[in-house]
Structures are given as C-alpha cells and as structure tokens.
C-alpha cells in the first residue's frame, strides 16, 4: 500500500467484510459460521484475482509479479498469510501446540 488513501480503502474493505459476515450470522441463527466465512473468503479470492489481472503488455514491469496464474496465486497466498499472522485470532488458547506453564 502506497498512500494513506490506499490504507483507508484497505481498512474500510476489511471492516465491511467483517460486518457482512456478522450480519449474515445474525440474520440466520442456524447459519454455520465456518460456511459463511468460507463463502466470504471465496468471494474475496475471486475479486482479488479479478482485480489483479495483468494489463496485457508483455513488457510491463508492474505486471511482472502477476503475469501468470501461478504468480498471482503466490502473491495472494503471501498476502493471506500476512493478514492471518497479523490477526488477533491467529493464535487460539485452544491450539494444540499452545504450551502451558
């Protein structure tokens, strides 16, 4: 992210997605939170791939990191890992690898 505006758009989009998930779960008491979250993730993946298509200029330096499907998926997975590791929910007290003292 290059500018403060980019960061504001990023934060707003993330916040709205969380709000949407919460609304979907509130609207249907029988909804499975894992299914709702998986659907939101699938939609985000599709939109991210759509938004990161190369421009078509084979000499474009800006598109070098995303000029194949495999490169786009690698970029996306790196971003997903970064977001996950920065999340307050990355570690859970019930994780099997949590130590106890």
N, C-alpha and C. Protein backbone atom coordinates (compact mmCIF):
# COMPACT_ATOMS: atom_id res chain seq x y z
N UNK A 1 0.84 -1.17 0.00
CA UNK A 1 0.00 0.00 0.00
C UNK A 1 0.88 1.23 0.00
N UNK A 2 0.58 2.11 -0.90
CA UNK A 2 1.48 3.23 -1.11
C UNK A 2 1.05 4.52 -0.43
N UNK A 3 -0.21 4.74 -0.26
CA UNK A 3 -0.66 6.02 0.27
C UNK A 3 -1.63 5.81 1.42
N UNK A 4 -1.87 6.90 2.12
CA UNK A 4 -2.83 6.86 3.21
C UNK A 4 -4.22 6.52 2.70
N UNK A 5 -4.56 7.01 1.49
CA UNK A 5 -5.86 6.68 0.89
C UNK A 5 -5.97 5.18 0.64
N UNK A 6 -4.87 4.56 0.16
CA UNK A 6 -4.89 3.12 -0.06
C UNK A 6 -5.15 2.38 1.25
N UNK A 7 -4.49 2.82 2.31
CA UNK A 7 -4.68 2.18 3.61
C UNK A 7 -6.10 2.36 4.11
N UNK A 8 -6.67 3.53 3.89
CA UNK A 8 -8.06 3.76 4.30
C UNK A 8 -9.01 2.86 3.52
N UNK A 9 -8.78 2.69 2.21
CA UNK A 9 -9.62 1.79 1.42
C UNK A 9 -9.46 0.35 1.88
N UNK A 10 -8.23 -0.06 2.16
CA UNK A 10 -7.96 -1.40 2.65
C UNK A 10 -8.71 -1.65 3.95
N UNK A 11 -8.56 -0.74 4.91
CA UNK A 11 -9.22 -0.89 6.22
C UNK A 11 -10.74 -0.90 6.08
N UNK A 12 -11.27 -0.01 5.24
CA UNK A 12 -12.73 0.06 5.05
C UNK A 12 -13.26 -1.22 4.44
N UNK A 13 -12.55 -1.76 3.45
CA UNK A 13 -12.99 -3.00 2.80
C UNK A 13 -12.97 -4.16 3.79
N UNK A 14 -11.91 -4.27 4.58
CA UNK A 14 -11.81 -5.35 5.56
C UNK A 14 -12.91 -5.23 6.60
N UNK A 15 -13.14 -4.02 7.07
CA UNK A 15 -14.17 -3.79 8.08
C UNK A 15 -15.56 -4.15 7.55
N UNK A 16 -15.83 -3.76 6.32
CA UNK A 16 -17.16 -4.06 5.74
C UNK A 16 -17.36 -5.56 5.54
N UNK A 17 -16.31 -6.27 5.19
CA UNK A 17 -16.43 -7.71 5.02
C UNK A 17 -16.74 -8.38 6.36
N UNK A 18 -16.09 -7.92 7.42
CA UNK A 18 -16.37 -8.46 8.75
C UNK A 18 -17.82 -8.15 9.14
N UNK A 19 -18.25 -6.91 8.89
CA UNK A 19 -19.63 -6.53 9.19
C UNK A 19 -20.63 -7.39 8.42
N UNK A 20 -20.32 -7.67 7.15
CA UNK A 20 -21.21 -8.51 6.34
C UNK A 20 -21.31 -9.91 6.95
N UNK A 21 -20.20 -10.48 7.33
CA UNK A 21 -20.22 -11.80 7.96
C UNK A 21 -21.06 -11.80 9.22
N UNK A 22 -20.88 -10.78 10.04
CA UNK A 22 -21.66 -10.70 11.27
C UNK A 22 -23.15 -10.55 10.98
N UNK A 23 -23.50 -9.73 9.97
CA UNK A 23 -24.92 -9.56 9.61
C UNK A 23 -25.51 -10.87 9.12
N UNK A 24 -24.78 -11.60 8.29
CA UNK A 24 -25.28 -12.87 7.78
C UNK A 24 -25.54 -13.86 8.92
N UNK A 25 -24.65 -13.89 9.89
CA UNK A 25 -24.83 -14.79 11.03
C UNK A 25 -25.97 -14.34 11.93
N UNK A 26 -26.13 -13.04 12.10
CA UNK A 26 -27.23 -12.53 12.93
C UNK A 26 -28.58 -12.79 12.28
N UNK A 27 -28.63 -12.73 10.96
CA UNK A 27 -29.88 -12.89 10.21
C UNK A 27 -30.39 -14.32 10.26
N UNK A 28 -29.48 -15.29 10.41
CA UNK A 28 -29.86 -16.70 10.39
C UNK A 28 -29.18 -17.41 11.55
N UNK A 29 -29.95 -17.68 12.60
CA UNK A 29 -29.40 -18.30 13.81
C UNK A 29 -28.83 -19.69 13.53
N UNK A 30 -29.31 -20.34 12.45
CA UNK A 30 -28.84 -21.68 12.13
C UNK A 30 -27.64 -21.68 11.19
N UNK A 31 -27.20 -20.50 10.78
CA UNK A 31 -26.08 -20.41 9.84
C UNK A 31 -24.80 -20.94 10.49
N UNK A 32 -24.02 -21.65 9.71
CA UNK A 32 -22.74 -22.19 10.16
C UNK A 32 -21.66 -21.13 9.92
N UNK A 33 -21.03 -20.65 10.98
CA UNK A 33 -20.04 -19.58 10.84
C UNK A 33 -18.88 -19.99 9.93
N UNK A 34 -18.52 -21.26 9.92
CA UNK A 34 -17.45 -21.72 9.03
C UNK A 34 -17.87 -21.60 7.58
N UNK A 35 -19.12 -21.94 7.28
CA UNK A 35 -19.62 -21.85 5.90
C UNK A 35 -19.71 -20.39 5.45
N UNK A 36 -20.19 -19.52 6.33
CA UNK A 36 -20.27 -18.09 5.99
C UNK A 36 -18.86 -17.56 5.74
N UNK A 37 -17.93 -17.87 6.64
CA UNK A 37 -16.55 -17.40 6.48
C UNK A 37 -15.92 -17.94 5.20
N UNK A 38 -16.18 -19.20 4.88
CA UNK A 38 -15.63 -19.80 3.66
C UNK A 38 -16.21 -19.13 2.41
N UNK A 39 -17.50 -18.80 2.46
CA UNK A 39 -18.12 -18.10 1.34
C UNK A 39 -17.55 -16.70 1.16
N UNK A 40 -17.34 -15.99 2.26
CA UNK A 40 -16.73 -14.66 2.19
C UNK A 40 -15.32 -14.75 1.63
N UNK A 41 -14.57 -15.74 2.08
CA UNK A 41 -13.20 -15.92 1.57
C UNK A 41 -13.21 -16.24 0.08
N UNK A 42 -14.13 -17.11 -0.35
CA UNK A 42 -14.21 -17.46 -1.77
C UNK A 42 -14.52 -16.21 -2.60
N UNK A 43 -15.45 -15.39 -2.13
CA UNK A 43 -15.76 -14.16 -2.84
C UNK A 43 -14.58 -13.22 -2.90
N UNK A 44 -13.86 -13.10 -1.78
CA UNK A 44 -12.68 -12.24 -1.73
C UNK A 44 -11.60 -12.74 -2.69
N UNK A 45 -11.41 -14.05 -2.75
CA UNK A 45 -10.42 -14.64 -3.67
C UNK A 45 -10.79 -14.31 -5.11
N UNK A 46 -12.04 -14.52 -5.48
CA UNK A 46 -12.47 -14.24 -6.85
C UNK A 46 -12.27 -12.77 -7.19
N UNK A 47 -12.64 -11.87 -6.28
CA UNK A 47 -12.49 -10.45 -6.54
C UNK A 47 -11.01 -10.06 -6.64
N UNK A 48 -10.18 -10.60 -5.76
CA UNK A 48 -8.74 -10.30 -5.78
C UNK A 48 -8.14 -10.74 -7.11
N UNK A 49 -8.48 -11.94 -7.56
CA UNK A 49 -7.94 -12.43 -8.83
C UNK A 49 -8.43 -11.56 -9.99
N UNK A 50 -9.67 -11.16 -9.95
CA UNK A 50 -10.21 -10.26 -10.98
C UNK A 50 -9.44 -8.94 -11.00
N UNK A 51 -9.21 -8.39 -9.82
CA UNK A 51 -8.57 -7.07 -9.71
C UNK A 51 -7.07 -7.11 -10.04
N UNK A 52 -6.47 -8.28 -10.02
CA UNK A 52 -5.03 -8.39 -10.25
C UNK A 52 -4.69 -9.08 -11.57
N UNK A 53 -5.49 -8.87 -12.57
CA UNK A 53 -5.17 -9.41 -13.89
C UNK A 53 -4.07 -8.55 -14.53
N UNK A 54 -3.15 -9.19 -15.23
CA UNK A 54 -2.11 -8.40 -15.91
C UNK A 54 -2.71 -7.54 -17.01
N UNK A 55 -2.03 -6.45 -17.32
CA UNK A 55 -2.57 -5.48 -18.27
C UNK A 55 -2.51 -5.96 -19.72
N UNK A 56 -1.69 -6.96 -20.00
CA UNK A 56 -1.59 -7.48 -21.37
C UNK A 56 -0.34 -7.05 -22.10
N UNK A 57 0.37 -6.04 -21.59
CA UNK A 57 1.63 -5.58 -22.18
C UNK A 57 2.73 -6.52 -21.69
N UNK A 58 3.29 -7.31 -22.57
CA UNK A 58 4.30 -8.30 -22.19
C UNK A 58 5.56 -7.67 -21.62
N UNK A 59 5.78 -6.40 -21.85
CA UNK A 59 6.95 -5.69 -21.34
C UNK A 59 6.66 -4.90 -20.06
N UNK A 60 5.46 -4.99 -19.52
CA UNK A 60 5.05 -4.20 -18.36
C UNK A 60 5.77 -4.69 -17.10
N UNK A 61 6.59 -3.82 -16.53
CA UNK A 61 7.31 -4.17 -15.31
C UNK A 61 6.37 -4.31 -14.11
N UNK A 62 5.30 -3.51 -14.09
CA UNK A 62 4.35 -3.56 -12.97
C UNK A 62 3.63 -4.89 -12.88
N UNK A 63 3.47 -5.56 -14.01
CA UNK A 63 2.72 -6.82 -14.03
C UNK A 63 3.61 -8.05 -13.90
N UNK A 64 4.92 -7.86 -13.79
CA UNK A 64 5.84 -8.99 -13.78
C UNK A 64 5.53 -9.99 -12.66
N UNK A 65 5.12 -9.49 -11.50
CA UNK A 65 4.85 -10.38 -10.37
C UNK A 65 3.51 -11.10 -10.47
N UNK A 66 2.67 -10.71 -11.44
CA UNK A 66 1.33 -11.32 -11.55
C UNK A 66 1.01 -11.75 -12.97
N UNK A 67 2.04 -11.96 -13.80
CA UNK A 67 1.77 -12.21 -15.23
C UNK A 67 1.43 -13.66 -15.56
N UNK A 68 1.32 -14.51 -14.55
CA UNK A 68 0.80 -15.87 -14.74
C UNK A 68 -0.17 -16.18 -13.60
N UNK A 69 -1.04 -17.15 -13.82
CA UNK A 69 -1.98 -17.54 -12.77
C UNK A 69 -1.23 -18.00 -11.52
N UNK A 70 -0.16 -18.76 -11.72
CA UNK A 70 0.61 -19.27 -10.58
C UNK A 70 1.23 -18.13 -9.77
N UNK A 71 1.75 -17.12 -10.46
CA UNK A 71 2.34 -15.97 -9.76
C UNK A 71 1.28 -15.20 -8.99
N UNK A 72 0.09 -15.07 -9.58
CA UNK A 72 -0.99 -14.36 -8.88
C UNK A 72 -1.39 -15.10 -7.62
N UNK A 73 -1.50 -16.42 -7.71
CA UNK A 73 -1.87 -17.21 -6.53
C UNK A 73 -0.78 -17.11 -5.47
N UNK A 74 0.49 -17.14 -5.86
CA UNK A 74 1.58 -16.99 -4.90
C UNK A 74 1.50 -15.64 -4.19
N UNK A 75 1.24 -14.56 -4.93
CA UNK A 75 1.10 -13.23 -4.35
C UNK A 75 -0.07 -13.20 -3.37
N UNK A 76 -1.17 -13.77 -3.80
CA UNK A 76 -2.36 -13.77 -2.96
C UNK A 76 -2.13 -14.58 -1.68
N UNK A 77 -1.52 -15.74 -1.78
CA UNK A 77 -1.26 -16.56 -0.60
C UNK A 77 -0.31 -15.86 0.37
N UNK A 78 0.65 -15.13 -0.15
CA UNK A 78 1.56 -14.37 0.72
C UNK A 78 0.78 -13.29 1.49
N UNK A 79 -0.15 -12.63 0.81
CA UNK A 79 -0.97 -11.62 1.47
C UNK A 79 -1.90 -12.25 2.50
N UNK A 80 -2.47 -13.40 2.17
CA UNK A 80 -3.34 -14.09 3.11
C UNK A 80 -2.56 -14.50 4.36
N UNK A 81 -1.36 -15.05 4.16
CA UNK A 81 -0.52 -15.45 5.30
C UNK A 81 -0.19 -14.24 6.17
N UNK A 82 0.18 -13.13 5.54
CA UNK A 82 0.50 -11.91 6.29
C UNK A 82 -0.71 -11.42 7.09
N UNK A 83 -1.87 -11.39 6.46
CA UNK A 83 -3.08 -10.96 7.16
C UNK A 83 -3.41 -11.90 8.31
N UNK A 84 -3.26 -13.19 8.08
CA UNK A 84 -3.56 -14.16 9.14
C UNK A 84 -2.62 -13.98 10.32
N UNK A 85 -1.33 -13.84 10.04
CA UNK A 85 -0.36 -13.72 11.12
C UNK A 85 -0.51 -12.41 11.90
N UNK A 86 -1.07 -11.39 11.27
CA UNK A 86 -1.31 -10.11 11.95
C UNK A 86 -2.64 -10.10 12.70
N UNK A 87 -3.46 -11.11 12.51
CA UNK A 87 -4.79 -11.16 13.11
C UNK A 87 -4.73 -11.46 14.60
N UNK A 88 -5.64 -10.84 15.35
CA UNK A 88 -5.77 -11.15 16.77
C UNK A 88 -6.21 -12.60 16.97
N UNK A 89 -6.77 -13.20 15.94
CA UNK A 89 -7.30 -14.56 16.05
C UNK A 89 -6.33 -15.62 15.53
N UNK A 90 -5.11 -15.21 15.17
CA UNK A 90 -4.14 -16.16 14.61
C UNK A 90 -3.86 -17.29 15.59
N UNK A 91 -3.57 -16.95 16.83
CA UNK A 91 -3.34 -17.95 17.86
C UNK A 91 -4.60 -18.06 18.71
N UNK A 92 -4.93 -19.27 19.06
CA UNK A 92 -6.07 -19.52 19.92
C UNK A 92 -5.57 -20.22 21.17
N UNK A 93 -6.16 -19.91 22.32
CA UNK A 93 -5.75 -20.61 23.54
C UNK A 93 -6.03 -22.11 23.45
N UNK A 94 -6.86 -22.52 22.49
CA UNK A 94 -7.18 -23.93 22.34
C UNK A 94 -6.35 -24.61 21.25
N UNK A 95 -5.38 -23.88 20.67
CA UNK A 95 -4.48 -24.51 19.69
C UNK A 95 -3.76 -25.67 20.34
N UNK A 96 -3.58 -26.74 19.60
CA UNK A 96 -2.96 -27.94 20.14
C UNK A 96 -1.50 -27.72 20.51
N UNK A 97 -0.85 -26.75 19.86
CA UNK A 97 0.56 -26.52 20.12
C UNK A 97 0.82 -25.40 21.13
N UNK A 98 -0.19 -25.00 21.88
CA UNK A 98 -0.03 -23.97 22.91
C UNK A 98 0.58 -24.62 24.13
N UNK A 99 1.65 -24.02 24.63
CA UNK A 99 2.30 -24.54 25.82
C UNK A 99 1.56 -24.12 27.08
N UNK A 100 1.82 -24.82 28.15
CA UNK A 100 1.24 -24.44 29.42
C UNK A 100 2.35 -24.45 30.46
N UNK A 101 2.24 -23.53 31.38
CA UNK A 101 3.27 -23.44 32.42
C UNK A 101 2.64 -23.46 33.79
